[in-house]
Protein backbone atom coordinates (compact mmCIF):
# COMPACT_ATOMS: atom_id res chain seq x y z
CA MET A 1 -0.33 0.29 -0.24
CA THR A 2 1.20 3.33 -0.94
CA ARG A 3 0.89 6.35 1.32
CA HIS A 4 0.24 9.55 0.16
CA ALA A 5 0.40 12.58 2.47
CA SER A 6 -2.91 14.07 1.00
CA LYS A 7 -4.79 10.86 2.26
CA GLN A 8 -3.16 11.47 6.53
CA ARG A 9 -6.15 11.91 8.26
CA SER A 10 -5.89 14.03 11.66
CA LEU A 11 -7.00 12.17 14.99
CA GLN A 12 -10.38 14.74 15.81
CA GLU A 13 -11.45 13.58 11.56
CA ILE A 14 -11.13 9.72 12.13
CA THR A 15 -12.57 11.12 15.43
CA GLY A 16 -15.32 13.18 13.89
CA ALA A 17 -15.70 9.84 11.00
CA ALA A 18 -16.06 6.98 13.79
CA GLU A 19 -18.79 9.22 15.95
CA GLU A 20 -20.87 9.56 12.92
CA THR A 21 -20.76 6.28 12.62
CA ILE A 22 -21.29 4.78 15.73
CA ARG A 23 -25.05 7.30 16.21
CA SER A 24 -25.64 6.18 13.14
CA CYS A 25 -25.63 2.76 13.54
CA MET A 26 -27.87 3.19 17.20
CA ALA A 27 -29.90 4.68 15.49
CA LEU A 28 -30.76 1.64 13.15
CA ALA A 29 -30.45 -0.43 16.20
CA ARG A 30 -32.79 0.74 18.20
CA ARG A 31 -35.56 1.41 15.00
CA ALA A 32 -34.85 -2.26 14.68
CA SER A 33 -37.91 -4.37 15.53
CA ASP A 34 -36.31 -7.88 15.14
CA PRO A 35 -33.58 -8.31 18.08
CA THR A 36 -31.35 -9.95 15.34
CA ASP A 37 -30.75 -7.16 12.92
CA ARG A 38 -30.56 -4.37 16.38
CA THR A 39 -28.08 -6.87 17.77
CA PHE A 40 -26.44 -6.69 14.48
CA HIS A 41 -26.21 -2.61 14.32
CA THR A 42 -25.45 -1.89 18.06
CA ALA A 43 -21.76 -4.69 17.02
CA SER A 44 -21.42 -2.25 14.36
CA ALA A 45 -21.50 0.32 17.28
CA TRP A 46 -19.35 -1.23 19.05
CA GLY A 47 -16.55 -2.38 16.01
CA ALA A 48 -16.29 1.21 15.48
CA TYR A 49 -15.95 2.27 18.92
CA ARG A 50 -13.27 -0.63 19.41
CA VAL A 51 -11.26 0.50 15.99
CA TRP A 52 -11.48 3.79 17.04
CA SER A 53 -10.27 3.61 19.93
CA ARG A 54 -7.43 1.80 18.72
CA LEU A 55 -6.72 4.14 16.10
CA ALA A 56 -6.88 7.27 19.53
CA ALA A 57 -5.19 5.45 21.96
CA GLY A 58 -2.26 7.80 23.60
CA TRP A 59 -3.51 10.70 21.33
CA VAL A 60 -6.68 11.15 22.77
CA GLU A 61 -8.56 13.69 25.45
CA ASP A 62 -10.03 13.27 28.86
CA GLY A 63 -13.59 11.61 28.56
CA ASP A 64 -13.40 10.59 24.45
CA PHE A 65 -13.76 7.11 25.75
CA GLN A 66 -15.99 7.57 27.77
CA ARG A 67 -17.86 9.99 25.60
CA MET A 68 -17.87 7.74 23.02
CA GLU A 69 -18.36 4.50 24.74
CA ALA A 70 -21.54 6.55 25.70
CA LEU A 71 -22.44 6.67 22.35
CA THR A 72 -23.12 2.53 22.09
CA ASN A 73 -25.63 2.70 24.27
CA LEU A 74 -29.23 1.96 22.86
CA GLU A 75 -30.80 4.29 26.05
CA SER A 76 -29.17 7.25 25.03
CA SER A 77 -31.21 10.67 23.03
CA PRO A 78 -31.77 8.63 19.38
CA VAL A 79 -29.92 10.57 16.32
CA GLU A 80 -32.07 11.16 12.79
CA SER A 81 -29.20 9.86 10.23
CA ASP A 82 -28.76 6.54 9.93
CA ALA A 83 -26.57 6.91 6.59
CA ASP A 84 -22.96 5.29 6.91
CA CYS A 85 -24.22 1.94 8.54
CA ALA A 86 -24.59 -1.03 7.26
CA GLU A 87 -28.42 -1.40 6.34
CA GLY A 88 -29.35 -3.17 4.33
CA VAL A 89 -26.35 -5.06 3.78
CA SER A 90 -26.48 -8.95 4.06
CA ARG A 91 -25.60 -10.67 6.99
């Protein structure tokens, strides 16, 4: 894989993308009537959180891990967008 300077991302960009993905997956999980779909979308959100936490380790500010992890809670406030989660992906 070739590394390009223009392809490098800042921690802020990575955190923003992860947060958006987690929010959209959790929005789908909240709306899912099928427990299997709810589990799938919640697991997708956790996957995004875990990847972010590995990339961000040692670089985040106090409270970032807790804030991002809290987004994976089904009881958190609902979110409108679900565009970045794997809606319609065959499992």
